[in-house]
Amino acid sequence: MNQFGRFRRTKNMTNLTMEERFQLMREIALAESVMFKLFPCEQDNVAMIGNMTPQLHVHIVCRKKGDPEWPDTVWNRTTGKYDPAQKAEIIAKIKAEFTAQAKDIKYDQL
Protein backbone atom coordinates (compact mmCIF):
# COMPACT_ATOMS: atom_id res chain seq x y z
CA MET A 1 0.00 0.00 0.00
CA ASN A 2 1.16 3.50 -0.77
CA GLN A 3 2.67 5.50 2.10
CA PHE A 4 2.57 9.19 1.34
CA GLY A 5 5.25 11.36 2.84
CA ARG A 6 7.56 8.37 3.10
CA PHE A 7 10.66 10.34 2.15
CA ARG A 8 12.97 11.52 4.86
CA ARG A 9 12.67 15.18 5.70
CA THR A 10 14.38 17.08 2.94
CA LYS A 11 14.11 20.52 1.38
CA ASN A 12 14.35 19.47 -2.24
CA MET A 13 14.64 16.61 -4.69
CA THR A 14 18.42 16.92 -4.80
CA ASN A 15 18.59 14.85 -1.62
CA LEU A 16 16.48 11.98 -2.99
CA THR A 17 17.89 8.90 -4.60
CA MET A 18 16.92 8.29 -8.22
CA GLU A 19 14.51 5.55 -7.09
CA GLU A 20 12.88 7.98 -4.63
CA ARG A 21 12.54 10.57 -7.40
CA PHE A 22 10.78 8.04 -9.61
CA GLN A 23 8.46 7.13 -6.73
CA LEU A 24 7.70 10.81 -6.12
CA MET A 25 6.71 11.13 -9.79
CA ARG A 26 4.40 8.11 -9.45
CA GLU A 27 2.80 9.68 -6.39
CA ILE A 28 2.34 12.98 -8.23
CA ALA A 29 0.64 11.02 -11.05
CA LEU A 30 -1.66 9.44 -8.46
CA ALA A 31 -2.51 12.81 -6.95
CA GLU A 32 -3.23 14.24 -10.41
CA SER A 33 -5.52 11.31 -11.18
CA VAL A 34 -7.43 11.81 -7.93
CA MET A 35 -7.76 15.55 -8.43
CA PHE A 36 -8.94 15.24 -12.05
CA LYS A 37 -11.57 12.70 -11.02
CA LEU A 38 -12.91 14.71 -8.09
CA PHE A 39 -12.44 18.21 -9.48
CA PRO A 40 -12.80 18.06 -13.28
CA CYS A 41 -10.73 20.82 -14.81
CA GLU A 42 -9.15 22.02 -18.00
CA GLN A 43 -5.63 22.29 -16.62
CA ASP A 44 -3.72 21.22 -13.57
CA ASN A 45 -0.66 22.98 -12.27
CA VAL A 46 2.04 20.97 -10.51
CA ALA A 47 4.59 22.95 -8.54
CA MET A 48 7.25 22.49 -5.90
CA ILE A 49 7.59 25.86 -4.24
CA GLY A 50 9.36 25.68 -0.90
CA ASN A 51 10.12 29.30 -0.14
CA MET A 52 7.63 29.61 2.72
CA THR A 53 7.74 25.98 3.85
CA PRO A 54 11.30 24.68 3.43
CA GLN A 55 10.32 21.02 3.16
CA LEU A 56 9.85 19.00 -0.01
CA HIS A 57 6.18 19.15 -0.93
CA VAL A 58 4.20 19.27 -4.14
CA HIS A 59 1.20 21.44 -5.03
CA ILE A 60 -1.37 20.13 -7.49
CA VAL A 61 -3.96 22.74 -8.38
CA CYS A 62 -6.92 22.12 -10.69
CA ARG A 63 -7.76 25.15 -12.81
CA LYS A 64 -10.74 26.12 -14.95
CA LYS A 65 -11.25 29.16 -17.10
CA GLY A 66 -13.35 31.52 -15.06
CA ASP A 67 -12.16 30.33 -11.66
CA PRO A 68 -11.68 33.27 -9.24
CA GLU A 69 -7.95 33.57 -9.95
CA TRP A 70 -7.94 32.72 -13.70
CA PRO A 71 -5.54 33.14 -15.44
CA ASP A 72 -3.29 34.36 -12.62
CA THR A 73 -1.57 32.10 -10.12
CA VAL A 74 -3.30 31.02 -6.93
CA TRP A 75 -0.31 31.69 -4.70
CA ASN A 76 -0.74 34.28 -1.97
CA ARG A 77 -4.39 34.85 -2.80
CA THR A 78 -7.47 33.94 -0.86
CA THR A 79 -10.91 33.79 -2.40
CA GLY A 80 -12.57 32.72 0.82
CA LYS A 81 -12.67 29.88 3.28
CA TYR A 82 -14.65 26.68 3.06
CA ASP A 83 -17.46 26.04 5.47
CA PRO A 84 -16.06 23.52 8.03
CA ALA A 85 -18.60 20.84 7.10
CA GLN A 86 -17.94 21.31 3.38
CA LYS A 87 -14.18 21.19 4.01
CA ALA A 88 -14.52 17.94 6.00
CA GLU A 89 -16.59 16.40 3.22
CA ILE A 90 -14.05 17.35 0.53
CA ILE A 91 -11.16 15.98 2.60
CA ALA A 92 -13.03 12.71 3.20
CA LYS A 93 -13.66 12.31 -0.56
CA ILE A 94 -10.00 12.98 -1.37
CA LYS A 95 -8.79 10.48 1.24
CA ALA A 96 -11.22 7.81 0.02
CA GLU A 97 -10.18 8.28 -3.61
CA PHE A 98 -6.47 8.19 -2.73
CA THR A 99 -7.03 4.97 -0.80
CA ALA A 100 -8.92 3.41 -3.70
CA GLN A 101 -6.48 4.41 -6.44
CA ALA A 102 -3.31 3.81 -4.39
CA LYS A 103 -4.01 0.08 -4.55
CA ASP A 104 -2.86 0.14 -8.16
CA ILE A 105 0.73 -1.15 -8.18
CA LYS A 106 1.77 1.37 -10.85
CA TYR A 107 1.77 4.03 -8.12
CA ASP A 108 3.97 2.18 -5.61
CA GLN A 109 7.18 0.49 -6.66
CA LEU A 110 9.64 1.23 -3.88
C-alpha atoms as a PDB file:
ATOM      1  CA  MET A   1       0.000   0.000   0.000  1.00  0.00           C
ATOM      2  CA  ASN A   2       1.163   3.497  -0.766  1.00  0.00           C
ATOM      3  CA  GLN A   3       2.674   5.503   2.097  1.00  0.00           C
ATOM      4  CA  PHE A   4       2.573   9.191   1.335  1.00  0.00           C
ATOM      5  CA  GLY A   5       5.249  11.355   2.840  1.00  0.00           C
ATOM      6  CA  ARG A   6       7.563   8.366   3.099  1.00  0.00           C
ATOM      7  CA  PHE A   7      10.656  10.344   2.154  1.00  0.00           C
ATOM      8  CA  ARG A   8      12.973  11.518   4.857  1.00  0.00           C
ATOM      9  CA  ARG A   9      12.668  15.176   5.696  1.00  0.00           C
ATOM     10  CA  THR A  10      14.380  17.082   2.936  1.00  0.00           C
ATOM     11  CA  LYS A  11      14.114  20.519   1.378  1.00  0.00           C
ATOM     12  CA  ASN A  12      14.349  19.471  -2.242  1.00  0.00           C
ATOM     13  CA  MET A  13      14.637  16.611  -4.694  1.00  0.00           C
ATOM     14  CA  THR A  14      18.423  16.919  -4.805  1.00  0.00           C
ATOM     15  CA  ASN A  15      18.589  14.849  -1.615  1.00  0.00           C
ATOM     16  CA  LEU A  16      16.477  11.984  -2.994  1.00  0.00           C
ATOM     17  CA  THR A  17      17.895   8.896  -4.602  1.00  0.00           C
ATOM     18  CA  MET A  18      16.919   8.289  -8.219  1.00  0.00           C
ATOM     19  CA  GLU A  19      14.511   5.549  -7.095  1.00  0.00           C
ATOM     20  CA  GLU A  20      12.880   7.980  -4.631  1.00  0.00           C
ATOM     21  CA  ARG A  21      12.543  10.574  -7.401  1.00  0.00           C
ATOM     22  CA  PHE A  22      10.778   8.042  -9.609  1.00  0.00           C
ATOM     23  CA  GLN A  23       8.458   7.131  -6.731  1.00  0.00           C
ATOM     24  CA  LEU A  24       7.701  10.807  -6.121  1.00  0.00           C
ATOM     25  CA  MET A  25       6.709  11.134  -9.788  1.00  0.00           C
ATOM     26  CA  ARG A  26       4.403   8.107  -9.450  1.00  0.00           C
ATOM     27  CA  GLU A  27       2.796   9.680  -6.391  1.00  0.00           C
ATOM     28  CA  ILE A  28       2.344  12.978  -8.234  1.00  0.00           C
ATOM     29  CA  ALA A  29       0.640  11.022 -11.047  1.00  0.00           C
ATOM     30  CA  LEU A  30      -1.663   9.436  -8.459  1.00  0.00           C
ATOM     31  CA  ALA A  31      -2.509  12.811  -6.949  1.00  0.00           C
ATOM     32  CA  GLU A  32      -3.233  14.243 -10.411  1.00  0.00           C
ATOM     33  CA  SER A  33      -5.523  11.311 -11.181  1.00  0.00           C
ATOM     34  CA  VAL A  34      -7.430  11.806  -7.926  1.00  0.00           C
ATOM     35  CA  MET A  35      -7.756  15.552  -8.432  1.00  0.00           C
ATOM     36  CA  PHE A  36      -8.939  15.244 -12.052  1.00  0.00           C
ATOM     37  CA  LYS A  37     -11.566  12.702 -11.019  1.00  0.00           C
ATOM     38  CA  LEU A  38     -12.913  14.707  -8.087  1.00  0.00           C
ATOM     39  CA  PHE A  39     -12.439  18.213  -9.479  1.00  0.00           C
ATOM     40  CA  PRO A  40     -12.800  18.061 -13.279  1.00  0.00           C
ATOM     41  CA  CYS A  41     -10.733  20.820 -14.806  1.00  0.00           C
ATOM     42  CA  GLU A  42      -9.149  22.022 -17.998  1.00  0.00           C
ATOM     43  CA  GLN A  43      -5.629  22.289 -16.624  1.00  0.00           C
ATOM     44  CA  ASP A  44      -3.722  21.224 -13.566  1.00  0.00           C
ATOM     45  CA  ASN A  45      -0.659  22.976 -12.268  1.00  0.00           C
ATOM     46  CA  VAL A  46       2.045  20.972 -10.511  1.00  0.00           C
ATOM     47  CA  ALA A  47       4.592  22.947  -8.543  1.00  0.00           C
ATOM     48  CA  MET A  48       7.248  22.489  -5.899  1.00  0.00           C
ATOM     49  CA  ILE A  49       7.591  25.859  -4.244  1.00  0.00           C
ATOM     50  CA  GLY A  50       9.357  25.681  -0.900  1.00  0.00           C
ATOM     51  CA  ASN A  51      10.119  29.299  -0.140  1.00  0.00           C
ATOM     52  CA  MET A  52       7.629  29.606   2.718  1.00  0.00           C
ATOM     53  CA  THR A  53       7.740  25.980   3.847  1.00  0.00           C
ATOM     54  CA  PRO A  54      11.301  24.679   3.429  1.00  0.00           C
ATOM     55  CA  GLN A  55      10.318  21.022   3.163  1.00  0.00           C
ATOM     56  CA  LEU A  56       9.847  18.996  -0.011  1.00  0.00           C
ATOM     57  CA  HIS A  57       6.183  19.146  -0.926  1.00  0.00           C
ATOM     58  CA  VAL A  58       4.196  19.273  -4.137  1.00  0.00           C
ATOM     59  CA  HIS A  59       1.202  21.436  -5.032  1.00  0.00           C
ATOM     60  CA  ILE A  60      -1.374  20.126  -7.490  1.00  0.00           C
ATOM     61  CA  VAL A  61      -3.961  22.741  -8.385  1.00  0.00           C
ATOM     62  CA  CYS A  62      -6.924  22.116 -10.692  1.00  0.00           C
ATOM     63  CA  ARG A  63      -7.756  25.153 -12.813  1.00  0.00           C
ATOM     64  CA  LYS A  64     -10.740  26.125 -14.947  1.00  0.00           C
ATOM     65  CA  LYS A  65     -11.246  29.164 -17.104  1.00  0.00           C
ATOM     66  CA  GLY A  66     -13.349  31.516 -15.059  1.00  0.00           C
ATOM     67  CA  ASP A  67     -12.158  30.334 -11.657  1.00  0.00           C
ATOM     68  CA  PRO A  68     -11.682  33.271  -9.241  1.00  0.00           C
ATOM     69  CA  GLU A  69      -7.953  33.573  -9.955  1.00  0.00           C
ATOM     70  CA  TRP A  70      -7.942  32.723 -13.701  1.00  0.00           C
ATOM     71  CA  PRO A  71      -5.541  33.138 -15.441  1.00  0.00           C
ATOM     72  CA  ASP A  72      -3.295  34.365 -12.619  1.00  0.00           C
ATOM     73  CA  THR A  73      -1.567  32.101 -10.122  1.00  0.00           C
ATOM     74  CA  VAL A  74      -3.303  31.015  -6.935  1.00  0.00           C
ATOM     75  CA  TRP A  75      -0.309  31.685  -4.702  1.00  0.00           C
ATOM     76  CA  ASN A  76      -0.742  34.275  -1.966  1.00  0.00           C
ATOM     77  CA  ARG A  77      -4.388  34.851  -2.801  1.00  0.00           C
ATOM     78  CA  THR A  78      -7.473  33.944  -0.857  1.00  0.00           C
ATOM     79  CA  THR A  79     -10.910  33.791  -2.404  1.00  0.00           C
ATOM     80  CA  GLY A  80     -12.567  32.723   0.819  1.00  0.00           C
ATOM     81  CA  LYS A  81     -12.675  29.877   3.280  1.00  0.00           C
ATOM     82  CA  TYR A  82     -14.653  26.683   3.058  1.00  0.00           C
ATOM     83  CA  ASP A  83     -17.463  26.035   5.470  1.00  0.00           C
ATOM     84  CA  PRO A  84     -16.063  23.522   8.035  1.00  0.00           C
ATOM     85  CA  ALA A  85     -18.604  20.842   7.100  1.00  0.00           C
ATOM     86  CA  GLN A  86     -17.939  21.312   3.377  1.00  0.00           C
ATOM     87  CA  LYS A  87     -14.181  21.191   4.006  1.00  0.00           C
ATOM     88  CA  ALA A  88     -14.516  17.943   6.002  1.00  0.00           C
ATOM     89  CA  GLU A  89     -16.595  16.397   3.216  1.00  0.00           C
ATOM     90  CA  ILE A  90     -14.050  17.350   0.534  1.00  0.00           C
ATOM     91  CA  ILE A  91     -11.160  15.982   2.599  1.00  0.00           C
ATOM     92  CA  ALA A  92     -13.025  12.707   3.196  1.00  0.00           C
ATOM     93  CA  LYS A  93     -13.659  12.313  -0.559  1.00  0.00           C
ATOM     94  CA  ILE A  94     -10.002  12.982  -1.371  1.00  0.00           C
ATOM     95  CA  LYS A  95      -8.793  10.478   1.242  1.00  0.00           C
ATOM     96  CA  ALA A  96     -11.216   7.811   0.018  1.00  0.00           C
ATOM     97  CA  GLU A  97     -10.178   8.279  -3.615  1.00  0.00           C
ATOM     98  CA  PHE A  98      -6.472   8.193  -2.728  1.00  0.00           C
ATOM     99  CA  THR A  99      -7.028   4.970  -0.800  1.00  0.00           C
ATOM    100  CA  ALA A 100      -8.919   3.407  -3.705  1.00  0.00           C
ATOM    101  CA  GLN A 101      -6.477   4.414  -6.439  1.00  0.00           C
ATOM    102  CA  ALA A 102      -3.310   3.813  -4.389  1.00  0.00           C
ATOM    103  CA  LYS A 103      -4.014   0.076  -4.545  1.00  0.00           C
ATOM    104  CA  ASP A 104      -2.861   0.143  -8.162  1.00  0.00           C
ATOM    105  CA  ILE A 105       0.731  -1.155  -8.176  1.00  0.00           C
ATOM    106  CA  LYS A 106       1.766   1.374 -10.851  1.00  0.00           C
ATOM    107  CA  TYR A 107       1.775   4.033  -8.120  1.00  0.00           C
ATOM    108  CA  ASP A 108       3.974   2.181  -5.614  1.00  0.00           C
ATOM    109  CA  GLN A 109       7.181   0.485  -6.664  1.00  0.00           C
ATOM    110  CA  LEU A 110       9.643   1.229  -3.875  1.00  0.00           C
END
